[in-house]
Amino acid sequence: MGTVFTIWGVFLLLRFPHDDLYALPVLETVYYAAGAWLEVPRVSGARRAPLTLRIRARAAALSAGSERSRPT
């Protein structure tokens, strides 16, 4: 929600005296909402782990891989 408020606040401050005051914030909000919706994978019928558990599992896998010796 903070991102949407930032988008609207910045564009309202920059475009205040102009007639197309609402055009860019609306367009940017649509882009933001579409990006957020497309970012979430859609799995039908399957239960998924909460986001924090998936992030922690991915972070653990990445940190475990970083402890391997690498050729120099």
N, C-alpha and C. Protein backbone atom coordinates (compact mmCIF):
# COMPACT_ATOMS: atom_id res chain seq x y z
N MET A 1 0.82 -1.19 0.00
CA MET A 1 0.00 0.00 0.00
C MET A 1 0.87 1.26 0.00
N GLY A 2 2.02 1.16 0.63
CA GLY A 2 2.92 2.30 0.66
C GLY A 2 3.43 2.68 -0.72
N THR A 3 3.62 1.68 -1.57
CA THR A 3 4.10 1.95 -2.93
C THR A 3 3.07 2.73 -3.72
N VAL A 4 1.82 2.37 -3.57
CA VAL A 4 0.76 3.08 -4.28
C VAL A 4 0.65 4.52 -3.79
N PHE A 5 0.75 4.72 -2.47
CA PHE A 5 0.72 6.09 -1.94
C PHE A 5 1.92 6.89 -2.44
N THR A 6 3.08 6.25 -2.53
CA THR A 6 4.27 6.94 -3.03
C THR A 6 4.09 7.33 -4.50
N ILE A 7 3.57 6.40 -5.29
CA ILE A 7 3.33 6.70 -6.71
C ILE A 7 2.41 7.92 -6.83
N TRP A 8 1.29 7.86 -6.12
CA TRP A 8 0.33 8.96 -6.21
C TRP A 8 0.89 10.26 -5.66
N GLY A 9 1.59 10.19 -4.53
CA GLY A 9 2.14 11.41 -3.93
C GLY A 9 3.16 12.09 -4.81
N VAL A 10 4.08 11.30 -5.38
CA VAL A 10 5.12 11.88 -6.24
C VAL A 10 4.50 12.50 -7.48
N PHE A 11 3.62 11.78 -8.15
CA PHE A 11 3.05 12.32 -9.38
C PHE A 11 2.12 13.50 -9.11
N LEU A 12 1.41 13.49 -7.99
CA LEU A 12 0.56 14.65 -7.68
C LEU A 12 1.41 15.89 -7.40
N LEU A 13 2.54 15.70 -6.74
CA LEU A 13 3.43 16.83 -6.49
C LEU A 13 4.07 17.35 -7.77
N LEU A 14 4.43 16.44 -8.67
CA LEU A 14 5.12 16.86 -9.89
C LEU A 14 4.17 17.41 -10.95
N ARG A 15 2.95 16.93 -11.02
CA ARG A 15 2.03 17.30 -12.09
C ARG A 15 0.87 18.17 -11.61
N PHE A 16 0.96 18.78 -10.44
CA PHE A 16 -0.19 19.46 -9.84
C PHE A 16 -0.88 20.48 -10.74
N PRO A 17 -0.21 21.42 -11.33
CA PRO A 17 -0.98 22.44 -12.06
C PRO A 17 -1.51 21.98 -13.43
N HIS A 18 -1.16 20.80 -13.88
CA HIS A 18 -1.54 20.36 -15.23
C HIS A 18 -2.87 19.62 -15.24
N ASP A 19 -3.49 19.59 -16.42
CA ASP A 19 -4.79 18.95 -16.57
C ASP A 19 -4.71 17.43 -16.50
N ASP A 20 -3.59 16.86 -16.92
CA ASP A 20 -3.45 15.39 -16.92
C ASP A 20 -2.89 14.88 -15.59
N LEU A 21 -3.30 15.51 -14.53
CA LEU A 21 -2.81 15.22 -13.18
C LEU A 21 -2.98 13.76 -12.80
N TYR A 22 -4.09 13.13 -13.19
CA TYR A 22 -4.39 11.77 -12.76
C TYR A 22 -3.95 10.69 -13.74
N ALA A 23 -3.55 11.06 -14.93
CA ALA A 23 -3.24 10.07 -15.97
C ALA A 23 -2.05 9.18 -15.60
N LEU A 24 -0.94 9.77 -15.23
CA LEU A 24 0.26 8.97 -14.92
C LEU A 24 0.11 8.13 -13.64
N PRO A 25 -0.44 8.68 -12.55
CA PRO A 25 -0.61 7.83 -11.36
C PRO A 25 -1.53 6.64 -11.62
N VAL A 26 -2.60 6.83 -12.39
CA VAL A 26 -3.50 5.71 -12.69
C VAL A 26 -2.75 4.66 -13.50
N LEU A 27 -2.01 5.09 -14.52
CA LEU A 27 -1.25 4.16 -15.34
C LEU A 27 -0.20 3.40 -14.52
N GLU A 28 0.53 4.10 -13.68
CA GLU A 28 1.54 3.46 -12.85
C GLU A 28 0.91 2.51 -11.83
N THR A 29 -0.25 2.85 -11.29
CA THR A 29 -0.93 1.96 -10.35
C THR A 29 -1.38 0.69 -11.06
N VAL A 30 -1.87 0.82 -12.28
CA VAL A 30 -2.27 -0.37 -13.05
C VAL A 30 -1.05 -1.24 -13.33
N TYR A 31 0.07 -0.62 -13.72
CA TYR A 31 1.31 -1.39 -13.95
C TYR A 31 1.76 -2.11 -12.67
N TYR A 32 1.70 -1.41 -11.55
CA TYR A 32 2.13 -2.00 -10.28
C TYR A 32 1.23 -3.17 -9.89
N ALA A 33 -0.08 -2.99 -10.02
CA ALA A 33 -1.02 -4.06 -9.67
C ALA A 33 -0.85 -5.27 -10.60
N ALA A 34 -0.67 -5.02 -11.89
CA ALA A 34 -0.47 -6.12 -12.83
C ALA A 34 0.82 -6.87 -12.53
N GLY A 35 1.88 -6.14 -12.22
CA GLY A 35 3.14 -6.78 -11.88
C GLY A 35 3.05 -7.61 -10.61
N ALA A 36 2.35 -7.09 -9.62
CA ALA A 36 2.19 -7.84 -8.37
C ALA A 36 1.34 -9.09 -8.59
N TRP A 37 0.31 -8.97 -9.42
CA TRP A 37 -0.55 -10.13 -9.68
C TRP A 37 0.19 -11.19 -10.50
N LEU A 38 0.97 -10.77 -11.48
CA LEU A 38 1.69 -11.73 -12.32
C LEU A 38 2.88 -12.36 -11.60
N GLU A 39 3.38 -11.70 -10.57
CA GLU A 39 4.54 -12.20 -9.84
C GLU A 39 4.21 -13.43 -9.01
N VAL A 40 2.99 -13.57 -8.55
CA VAL A 40 2.59 -14.68 -7.70
C VAL A 40 2.22 -15.87 -8.57
N PRO A 41 2.92 -17.00 -8.38
CA PRO A 41 2.59 -18.18 -9.18
C PRO A 41 1.20 -18.70 -8.82
N ARG A 42 0.46 -19.10 -9.81
CA ARG A 42 -0.89 -19.63 -9.62
C ARG A 42 -0.85 -21.14 -9.69
N VAL A 43 -1.16 -21.80 -8.58
CA VAL A 43 -1.20 -23.26 -8.51
C VAL A 43 -2.62 -23.64 -8.13
N SER A 44 -3.28 -24.38 -8.99
CA SER A 44 -4.67 -24.73 -8.71
C SER A 44 -4.75 -25.98 -7.85
N GLY A 45 -5.47 -25.90 -6.76
CA GLY A 45 -5.74 -27.05 -5.90
C GLY A 45 -4.62 -27.46 -4.97
N ALA A 46 -3.44 -26.92 -5.10
CA ALA A 46 -2.33 -27.31 -4.25
C ALA A 46 -2.13 -26.29 -3.14
N ARG A 47 -1.86 -26.78 -1.95
CA ARG A 47 -1.57 -25.88 -0.84
C ARG A 47 -0.10 -25.54 -0.89
N ARG A 48 0.21 -24.30 -0.58
CA ARG A 48 1.59 -23.84 -0.62
C ARG A 48 2.02 -23.41 0.76
N ALA A 49 3.31 -23.50 1.02
CA ALA A 49 3.86 -23.05 2.29
C ALA A 49 3.76 -21.53 2.37
N PRO A 50 3.66 -20.99 3.58
CA PRO A 50 3.65 -19.53 3.71
C PRO A 50 4.92 -18.92 3.12
N LEU A 51 4.80 -17.69 2.67
CA LEU A 51 5.90 -17.02 2.00
C LEU A 51 7.15 -16.97 2.86
N THR A 52 7.02 -16.73 4.16
CA THR A 52 8.21 -16.62 5.02
C THR A 52 8.96 -17.95 5.08
N LEU A 53 8.23 -19.07 5.09
CA LEU A 53 8.91 -20.36 5.11
C LEU A 53 9.62 -20.63 3.80
N ARG A 54 9.02 -20.24 2.69
CA ARG A 54 9.69 -20.44 1.40
C ARG A 54 10.92 -19.57 1.28
N ILE A 55 10.85 -18.34 1.79
CA ILE A 55 12.01 -17.45 1.73
C ILE A 55 13.13 -17.99 2.61
N ARG A 56 12.79 -18.46 3.80
CA ARG A 56 13.81 -19.02 4.70
C ARG A 56 14.45 -20.27 4.09
N ALA A 57 13.64 -21.12 3.46
CA ALA A 57 14.19 -22.33 2.84
C ALA A 57 15.13 -21.96 1.70
N ARG A 58 14.75 -20.98 0.90
CA ARG A 58 15.61 -20.56 -0.20
C ARG A 58 16.89 -19.92 0.32
N ALA A 59 16.79 -19.11 1.37
CA ALA A 59 17.98 -18.48 1.95
C ALA A 59 18.92 -19.52 2.54
N ALA A 60 18.36 -20.55 3.18
CA ALA A 60 19.19 -21.62 3.74
C ALA A 60 19.90 -22.37 2.62
N ALA A 61 19.21 -22.64 1.53
CA ALA A 61 19.82 -23.35 0.41
C ALA A 61 20.94 -22.52 -0.21
N LEU A 62 20.71 -21.21 -0.33
CA LEU A 62 21.75 -20.35 -0.91
C LEU A 62 22.96 -20.22 0.00
N SER A 63 22.72 -20.09 1.31
CA SER A 63 23.85 -19.95 2.21
C SER A 63 24.62 -21.27 2.34
N ALA A 64 23.93 -22.39 2.22
CA ALA A 64 24.63 -23.68 2.25
C ALA A 64 25.51 -23.83 1.02
N GLY A 65 25.05 -23.34 -0.10
CA GLY A 65 25.84 -23.43 -1.33
C GLY A 65 27.03 -22.50 -1.32
N SER A 66 26.99 -21.43 -0.53
CA SER A 66 28.09 -20.47 -0.53
C SER A 66 29.27 -20.95 0.31
N GLU A 67 29.10 -22.01 1.10
CA GLU A 67 30.18 -22.50 1.94
C GLU A 67 31.10 -23.46 1.22
N ARG A 68 30.72 -23.87 0.03
CA ARG A 68 31.57 -24.77 -0.75
C ARG A 68 32.82 -24.02 -1.22
N SER A 69 33.88 -24.75 -1.35
CA SER A 69 35.09 -24.12 -1.87
C SER A 69 34.94 -23.91 -3.37
N ARG A 70 35.46 -22.82 -3.82
CA ARG A 70 35.36 -22.50 -5.24
C ARG A 70 36.77 -22.38 -5.82
N PRO A 71 36.95 -22.81 -7.05
CA PRO A 71 38.28 -22.65 -7.66
C PRO A 71 38.60 -21.18 -7.85
N THR A 72 39.85 -20.85 -7.68
CA THR A 72 40.26 -19.45 -7.84
C THR A 72 40.96 -19.23 -9.13
